[in-house]
Amino acid sequence: MDSRIAESGHTQEPGAAFPAGPGPAVGRLWGGRFRGLRHGPGRPSRAQVTAWAFLAPVTVYLLAFYAYPLYRNVDLSVRNYTVRSFVQGGAEFSGTANYRAVVEDPTFGTAVTNTVVFTAVSLLFQFAIGLALAVFFHNGFRLSATLRALFLVPWLLPLIVSASTWSWMLNSDSGIVNAFLGVFGVGPVNWLTSPQWSLVSVTVANIWIGIPFNLVVLYSGLQGIPAELHEAAAIDGANAWQRFWRVTFPLLRPVSAITLLLGLVYTLKVFDIIWIMTRGGPGDTSTTLAIWSYRKSFGSLLPQFGPGAAISNLLILLALVAGLLHIRFQAGQQER
């Protein structure tokens, strides 16, 4: 009996009928049982309930403003919606008919080409100019902070204001750009109504609007690079260009990648700038996929909701592919 009591962890005073209290092993055993009775089998703890309470608003927001609209857009693209069926329901299922109609439309090739040119040229110049300005301001000089703040103005202005300003500046008759060219004997250019210049005009305006974003993000990335690395490269005899190309630019790759990704996603869906300046014209010379989707869905008395949704889904697919490529790039960088 005494050996069993000793093994169980109980202690007993001389003359006492019962053990004084549970030992460590018994305490752990009964404590675990009491905790299980207190919370119940499978019941979440207070910490778990608190965590879910914090996550609930974000989850509801994502479901209401991302998941459900995406589901509705996919549903629009695979059904033959009319104005009546859009309001009352009961649209006929059409499968991939809307996607086939979009691809076979003569405007498809023009819209895709304009989207690629508009996006690629915008990203190239926005990133190059933004990086040059970030390096310039990173060197530090008097009034640097003030000038950086002024460069943020195009980014802070509402897009309708920026687009309207560019429309006035590029106006064929009263625009300041043609007035400036006239000083040098250059005749007026139809920037917004000429098939040769309409896409160029909206691209220039979009570049101007996107430069501040690239400047801010890349400038923040430059601040994260230790100055000791540049000093060591200078001691080794590297000039300014070599220090930038061999030290700064490689260390800036993660920031550059996310900057280009965000710029790509933003530029793919640019609508208001082009619509205010040229409305995608003349003809289809400045029509992108975003403009074409709007025209299909809301640009006529007989809207084609299905094809319009199919075009927008193609844009979503392009953005998704870009995001997956970025994730793959980041994973490859971490493995090195």
Protein backbone atom coordinates (compact mmCIF):
# COMPACT_ATOMS: atom_id res chain seq x y z
CA MET A 1 0.00 0.00 0.00
CA ASP A 2 2.77 2.39 0.91
CA SER A 3 4.60 1.66 -2.32
CA ARG A 4 1.45 2.31 -4.36
CA ILE A 5 0.90 5.61 -2.61
CA ALA A 6 4.50 6.63 -3.22
CA GLU A 7 4.25 5.77 -6.88
CA SER A 8 1.06 7.78 -7.27
CA GLY A 9 2.78 10.87 -5.89
CA HIS A 10 0.70 11.13 -2.70
CA THR A 11 2.26 11.99 0.63
CA GLN A 12 0.78 10.94 3.93
CA GLU A 13 1.50 12.32 7.36
CA PRO A 14 1.86 9.84 10.22
CA GLY A 15 -1.55 9.00 11.62
CA ALA A 16 -3.44 10.63 8.77
CA ALA A 17 -6.23 8.61 7.10
CA PHE A 18 -5.94 10.30 3.69
CA PRO A 19 -3.09 11.74 1.62
CA ALA A 20 -2.36 15.42 2.11
CA GLY A 21 -2.75 16.35 -1.56
CA PRO A 22 -2.07 15.25 -5.08
CA GLY A 23 1.46 15.01 -6.41
CA PRO A 24 2.65 16.69 -9.60
CA ALA A 25 1.60 13.87 -11.94
CA VAL A 26 -1.91 13.60 -10.47
CA GLY A 27 -2.25 17.38 -10.51
CA ARG A 28 -1.44 17.55 -14.18
CA LEU A 29 -3.88 14.72 -14.87
CA TRP A 30 -6.84 16.22 -13.01
CA GLY A 31 -5.97 19.75 -14.13
CA GLY A 32 -6.21 18.64 -17.76
CA ARG A 33 -9.55 16.92 -17.06
CA PHE A 34 -10.96 19.97 -15.33
CA ARG A 35 -9.84 22.19 -18.24
CA GLY A 36 -11.53 19.84 -20.70
CA LEU A 37 -14.75 20.00 -18.63
CA ARG A 38 -14.51 23.75 -18.39
CA HIS A 39 -14.13 24.39 -22.18
CA GLY A 40 -15.93 21.29 -23.38
CA PRO A 41 -14.76 18.91 -26.09
CA GLY A 42 -14.05 20.78 -29.34
CA ARG A 43 -15.00 24.19 -27.96
CA PRO A 44 -12.67 27.07 -29.01
CA SER A 45 -10.67 28.87 -26.39
CA ARG A 46 -11.06 32.54 -25.58
CA ALA A 47 -7.96 33.40 -27.64
CA GLN A 48 -9.41 31.64 -30.68
CA VAL A 49 -12.74 33.44 -30.30
CA THR A 50 -10.90 36.77 -30.04
CA ALA A 51 -8.86 36.02 -33.15
CA TRP A 52 -11.97 35.16 -35.16
CA ALA A 53 -13.67 38.31 -33.91
CA PHE A 54 -10.83 40.41 -35.31
CA LEU A 55 -10.85 38.48 -38.60
CA ALA A 56 -14.63 38.67 -39.06
CA PRO A 57 -14.80 42.27 -40.45
CA VAL A 58 -12.03 41.59 -42.97
CA THR A 59 -13.63 38.30 -44.00
CA VAL A 60 -17.03 39.93 -44.50
CA TYR A 61 -15.42 42.76 -46.47
CA LEU A 62 -13.55 40.37 -48.78
CA LEU A 63 -16.62 38.25 -49.37
CA ALA A 64 -18.92 41.21 -50.00
CA PHE A 65 -16.65 43.37 -52.14
CA TYR A 66 -14.32 40.84 -53.82
CA ALA A 67 -15.64 37.29 -53.84
CA TYR A 68 -19.28 38.08 -54.62
CA PRO A 69 -18.57 40.65 -57.40
CA LEU A 70 -16.10 38.21 -58.97
CA TYR A 71 -18.69 35.44 -58.85
CA ARG A 72 -21.31 37.72 -60.41
CA ASN A 73 -18.89 38.77 -63.14
CA VAL A 74 -18.15 35.13 -64.01
CA ASP A 75 -21.88 34.40 -64.00
CA LEU A 76 -22.50 37.34 -66.36
CA SER A 77 -19.86 36.06 -68.76
CA VAL A 78 -21.39 32.58 -69.12
CA ARG A 79 -25.03 33.64 -69.56
CA ASN A 80 -26.95 35.50 -72.22
CA TYR A 81 -28.07 38.50 -70.22
CA THR A 82 -30.43 41.16 -71.49
CA VAL A 83 -31.68 44.24 -69.65
CA ARG A 84 -34.79 42.36 -68.55
CA SER A 85 -32.96 39.22 -67.40
CA PHE A 86 -30.35 41.37 -65.69
CA VAL A 87 -33.09 42.90 -63.53
CA GLN A 88 -35.52 40.00 -63.22
CA GLY A 89 -33.14 37.04 -63.53
CA GLY A 90 -33.57 33.90 -65.58
CA ALA A 91 -30.79 34.50 -68.11
CA GLU A 92 -30.06 31.57 -70.40
CA PHE A 93 -26.79 29.71 -69.86
CA SER A 94 -24.49 30.19 -72.86
CA GLY A 95 -21.20 28.62 -71.73
CA THR A 96 -18.18 30.01 -73.55
CA ALA A 97 -20.23 31.66 -76.32
CA ASN A 98 -19.49 35.16 -75.00
CA TYR A 99 -15.75 34.46 -74.90
CA ARG A 100 -15.83 33.13 -78.47
CA ALA A 101 -17.73 36.20 -79.59
CA VAL A 102 -15.15 38.47 -77.97
CA VAL A 103 -12.17 36.69 -79.52
CA GLU A 104 -13.79 36.63 -82.98
CA ASP A 105 -14.72 40.32 -82.83
CA PRO A 106 -12.57 42.52 -85.17
CA THR A 107 -11.97 44.93 -82.29
CA PHE A 108 -10.29 42.23 -80.18
CA GLY A 109 -6.90 42.41 -81.90
CA THR A 110 -6.82 46.20 -81.81
CA ALA A 111 -7.84 46.33 -78.14
CA VAL A 112 -5.23 43.75 -77.11
CA THR A 113 -2.48 45.52 -79.08
CA ASN A 114 -3.39 48.91 -77.63
CA THR A 115 -3.52 47.43 -74.12
CA VAL A 116 -0.07 45.85 -74.47
CA VAL A 117 1.49 49.01 -75.94
CA PHE A 118 -0.21 51.31 -73.43
CA THR A 119 0.79 49.11 -70.47
CA ALA A 120 4.36 48.33 -71.54
CA VAL A 121 5.30 51.90 -72.49
CA SER A 122 3.68 53.31 -69.35
CA LEU A 123 5.50 50.87 -67.06
CA LEU A 124 8.84 51.41 -68.79
CA PHE A 125 8.83 55.20 -68.54
CA GLN A 126 7.15 55.38 -65.15
CA PHE A 127 9.72 53.04 -63.63
CA ALA A 128 12.74 54.59 -65.40
CA ILE A 129 11.82 58.19 -64.58
CA GLY A 130 10.69 57.27 -61.06
CA LEU A 131 13.96 55.45 -60.38
CA ALA A 132 16.04 58.34 -61.74
CA LEU A 133 14.18 60.80 -59.54
CA ALA A 134 14.46 58.49 -56.51
CA VAL A 135 18.25 58.27 -56.92
CA PHE A 136 18.39 62.04 -57.45
CA PHE A 137 16.50 62.79 -54.24
CA HIS A 138 18.31 60.06 -52.32
CA ASN A 139 21.59 61.93 -52.68
CA GLY A 140 20.19 64.64 -50.43
CA PHE A 141 20.28 68.37 -51.00
CA ARG A 142 18.57 71.51 -49.85
CA LEU A 143 14.81 71.69 -50.57
CA SER A 144 14.81 67.97 -51.36
CA ALA A 145 11.77 67.30 -49.16
CA THR A 146 9.85 70.22 -50.67
CA LEU A 147 10.47 69.07 -54.24
CA ARG A 148 9.49 65.51 -53.36
CA ALA A 149 6.22 66.80 -51.98
CA LEU A 150 5.56 68.76 -55.19
CA PHE A 151 6.18 65.63 -57.27
CA LEU A 152 3.36 63.92 -55.36
CA VAL A 153 0.75 66.39 -56.64
CA PRO A 154 -0.12 64.44 -59.84
CA TRP A 155 -0.67 61.32 -57.76
CA LEU A 156 -2.85 63.09 -55.19
CA LEU A 157 -5.11 64.82 -57.70
CA PRO A 158 -8.37 63.09 -58.67
CA LEU A 159 -7.94 61.31 -61.99
CA ILE A 160 -10.81 63.25 -63.54
CA VAL A 161 -8.94 66.48 -62.78
CA SER A 162 -5.68 65.19 -64.24
CA ALA A 163 -7.34 63.82 -67.37
CA SER A 164 -9.32 67.02 -67.91
CA THR A 165 -6.15 69.07 -67.52
CA TRP A 166 -4.34 66.99 -70.14
CA SER A 167 -7.35 67.27 -72.46
CA TRP A 168 -7.13 71.05 -72.24
CA MET A 169 -3.36 71.08 -72.70
CA LEU A 170 -3.55 68.86 -75.80
CA ASN A 171 -6.54 70.57 -77.36
CA SER A 172 -5.94 71.16 -81.07
CA ASP A 173 -7.21 74.76 -81.11
CA SER A 174 -6.57 76.23 -77.65
CA GLY A 175 -4.12 73.81 -76.05
CA ILE A 176 -0.93 75.09 -74.46
CA VAL A 177 1.14 72.34 -76.13
CA ASN A 178 0.24 73.48 -79.65
CA ALA A 179 0.75 77.08 -78.61
CA PHE A 180 4.26 76.21 -77.41
CA LEU A 181 5.03 74.34 -80.64
CA GLY A 182 3.77 77.30 -82.64
CA VAL A 183 6.55 79.44 -81.16
CA PHE A 184 9.03 77.21 -83.03
CA GLY A 185 7.02 77.25 -86.23
CA VAL A 186 5.43 73.82 -85.78
CA GLY A 187 1.84 73.59 -86.99
CA PRO A 188 -1.01 72.42 -84.75
CA VAL A 189 -1.18 68.70 -84.00
CA ASN A 190 -4.47 66.90 -83.44
CA TRP A 191 -3.30 65.10 -80.34
CA LEU A 192 -6.67 63.72 -79.28
CA THR A 193 -8.47 63.32 -82.60
CA SER A 194 -5.72 61.95 -84.82
CA PRO A 195 -5.36 58.13 -85.21
CA GLN A 196 -1.57 58.53 -85.07
CA TRP A 197 -1.45 60.54 -81.85
CA SER A 198 -4.45 59.54 -79.72
CA LEU A 199 -2.79 56.51 -78.09
CA VAL A 200 0.43 58.47 -77.60
CA SER A 201 -1.47 61.27 -75.85
CA VAL A 202 -3.25 59.06 -73.32
CA THR A 203 -0.01 57.13 -72.69
CA VAL A 204 1.91 60.33 -71.92
CA ALA A 205 -0.82 61.43 -69.52
CA ASN A 206 -0.78 58.06 -67.76
CA ILE A 207 3.02 58.15 -67.44
CA TRP A 208 2.85 61.58 -65.83
CA ILE A 209 0.25 60.38 -63.33
CA GLY A 210 2.16 57.19 -62.40
CA ILE A 211 5.65 58.64 -61.89
CA PRO A 212 5.04 59.83 -58.28
CA PHE A 213 4.02 56.33 -57.16
CA ASN A 214 7.22 54.83 -58.55
CA LEU A 215 9.23 57.66 -57.00
CA VAL A 216 7.82 57.11 -53.51
CA VAL A 217 8.18 53.32 -53.47
CA LEU A 218 11.65 53.23 -55.02
CA TYR A 219 12.88 56.05 -52.77
CA SER A 220 11.78 54.01 -49.76
CA GLY A 221 13.68 51.03 -51.15
CA LEU A 222 16.83 53.10 -51.58
CA GLN A 223 16.67 54.18 -47.95
CA GLY A 224 16.81 50.52 -46.91
CA ILE A 225 20.18 49.93 -48.60
CA PRO A 226 23.10 50.35 -46.12
CA ALA A 227 25.39 53.25 -46.99
CA GLU A 228 28.39 51.13 -45.99
CA LEU A 229 28.00 49.07 -49.16
CA HIS A 230 28.37 52.15 -51.37
CA GLU A 231 31.34 53.31 -49.33
CA ALA A 232 33.03 49.94 -49.69
CA ALA A 233 32.42 49.94 -53.44
CA ALA A 234 33.86 53.46 -53.71
CA ILE A 235 36.96 52.39 -51.79
CA ASP A 236 37.37 49.51 -54.25
CA GLY A 237 37.46 52.06 -57.07
CA ALA A 238 33.89 51.78 -58.44
CA ASN A 239 32.55 54.95 -60.05
CA ALA A 240 29.00 56.26 -59.59
CA TRP A 241 27.50 54.21 -62.44
CA GLN A 242 29.21 51.02 -61.32
CA ARG A 243 28.02 51.54 -57.74
CA PHE A 244 24.46 51.96 -59.01
CA TRP A 245 24.50 49.02 -61.43
CA ARG A 246 26.48 46.57 -59.25
CA VAL A 247 25.22 47.52 -55.79
CA THR A 248 22.07 49.64 -55.77
CA PHE A 249 20.07 48.07 -58.57
CA PRO A 250 20.52 44.40 -57.49
CA LEU A 251 19.55 45.21 -53.91
CA LEU A 252 16.53 47.11 -55.21
CA ARG A 253 15.13 44.13 -57.15
CA PRO A 254 12.48 43.07 -54.58
CA VAL A 255 11.12 46.62 -54.36
CA SER A 256 11.35 47.01 -58.15
CA ALA A 257 9.40 43.78 -58.65
CA ILE A 258 6.49 44.82 -56.43
CA THR A 259 6.50 48.30 -57.99
CA LEU A 260 6.22 46.88 -61.49
CA LEU A 261 3.55 44.39 -60.41
CA LEU A 262 1.36 47.06 -58.82
CA GLY A 263 1.93 49.33 -61.80
CA LEU A 264 0.93 46.53 -64.18
CA VAL A 265 -2.29 45.76 -62.32
CA TYR A 266 -3.18 49.45 -62.14
CA THR A 267 -2.36 50.18 -65.79
CA LEU A 268 -4.30 47.20 -67.13
CA LYS A 269 -7.51 48.59 -65.67
CA VAL A 270 -6.99 52.27 -66.55
CA PHE A 271 -10.30 53.58 -67.81
CA ASP A 272 -11.05 57.12 -66.71
CA ILE A 273 -7.96 58.76 -68.23
CA ILE A 274 -8.59 57.31 -71.69
CA TRP A 275 -12.35 57.79 -71.55
CA ILE A 276 -12.14 61.45 -70.58
CA MET A 277 -9.43 62.29 -73.12
CA THR A 278 -10.39 60.30 -76.23
CA ARG A 279 -13.26 57.91 -75.34
CA GLY A 280 -11.18 55.24 -77.02
CA GLY A 281 -11.20 57.01 -80.38
CA PRO A 282 -11.00 58.11 -82.98
CA GLY A 283 -12.46 54.80 -84.06
CA ASP A 284 -10.66 52.19 -81.98
CA THR A 285 -7.17 53.71 -82.16
CA SER A 286 -6.96 54.25 -78.38
CA THR A 287 -9.38 51.53 -77.30
CA THR A 288 -7.99 49.20 -74.65
CA LEU A 289 -9.64 46.13 -73.13
CA ALA A 290 -10.98 48.21 -70.24
CA ILE A 291 -12.55 50.77 -72.61
CA TRP A 292 -13.97 48.02 -74.81
CA SER A 293 -15.50 46.24 -71.81
CA TYR A 294 -17.28 49.45 -70.79
CA ARG A 295 -18.51 50.06 -74.33
CA LYS A 296 -19.95 46.56 -74.54
CA SER A 297 -21.68 46.76 -71.19
CA PHE A 298 -22.91 50.37 -71.03
CA GLY A 299 -22.00 52.10 -74.29
CA SER A 300 -25.22 51.52 -76.24
CA LEU A 301 -28.98 51.30 -75.83
CA LEU A 302 -28.73 47.51 -76.10
CA PRO A 303 -25.96 46.62 -73.64
CA GLN A 304 -24.13 43.33 -74.02
CA PHE A 305 -23.44 42.42 -70.42
CA GLY A 306 -22.08 38.95 -71.21
CA PRO A 307 -19.32 39.96 -73.64
CA GLY A 308 -18.46 42.97 -71.48
CA ALA A 309 -18.00 40.70 -68.45
CA ALA A 310 -15.95 38.26 -70.53
CA ILE A 311 -13.54 41.05 -71.52
CA SER A 312 -13.13 42.14 -67.91
CA ASN A 313 -12.46 38.54 -66.90
CA LEU A 314 -9.63 38.45 -69.43
CA LEU A 315 -8.14 41.48 -67.66
CA ILE A 316 -8.50 39.73 -64.31
CA LEU A 317 -6.76 36.68 -65.77
CA LEU A 318 -3.86 38.81 -67.01
CA ALA A 319 -3.48 40.40 -63.57
CA LEU A 320 -3.62 36.95 -61.95
CA VAL A 321 -0.88 35.62 -64.23
CA ALA A 322 1.27 38.64 -63.39
CA GLY A 323 0.74 38.00 -59.67
CA LEU A 324 1.69 34.33 -59.99
CA LEU A 325 4.83 35.25 -61.92
CA HIS A 326 5.75 37.70 -59.16
CA ILE A 327 5.29 35.00 -56.50
CA ARG A 328 7.47 32.62 -58.52
CA PHE A 329 10.11 35.34 -58.89
CA GLN A 330 10.10 36.02 -55.15
CA ALA A 331 10.40 32.32 -54.38
CA GLY A 332 13.36 32.04 -56.73
CA GLN A 333 15.06 34.99 -55.06
CA GLN A 334 14.65 33.42 -51.61
CA GLU A 335 16.14 30.11 -52.76
CA ARG A 336 19.36 31.80 -53.91
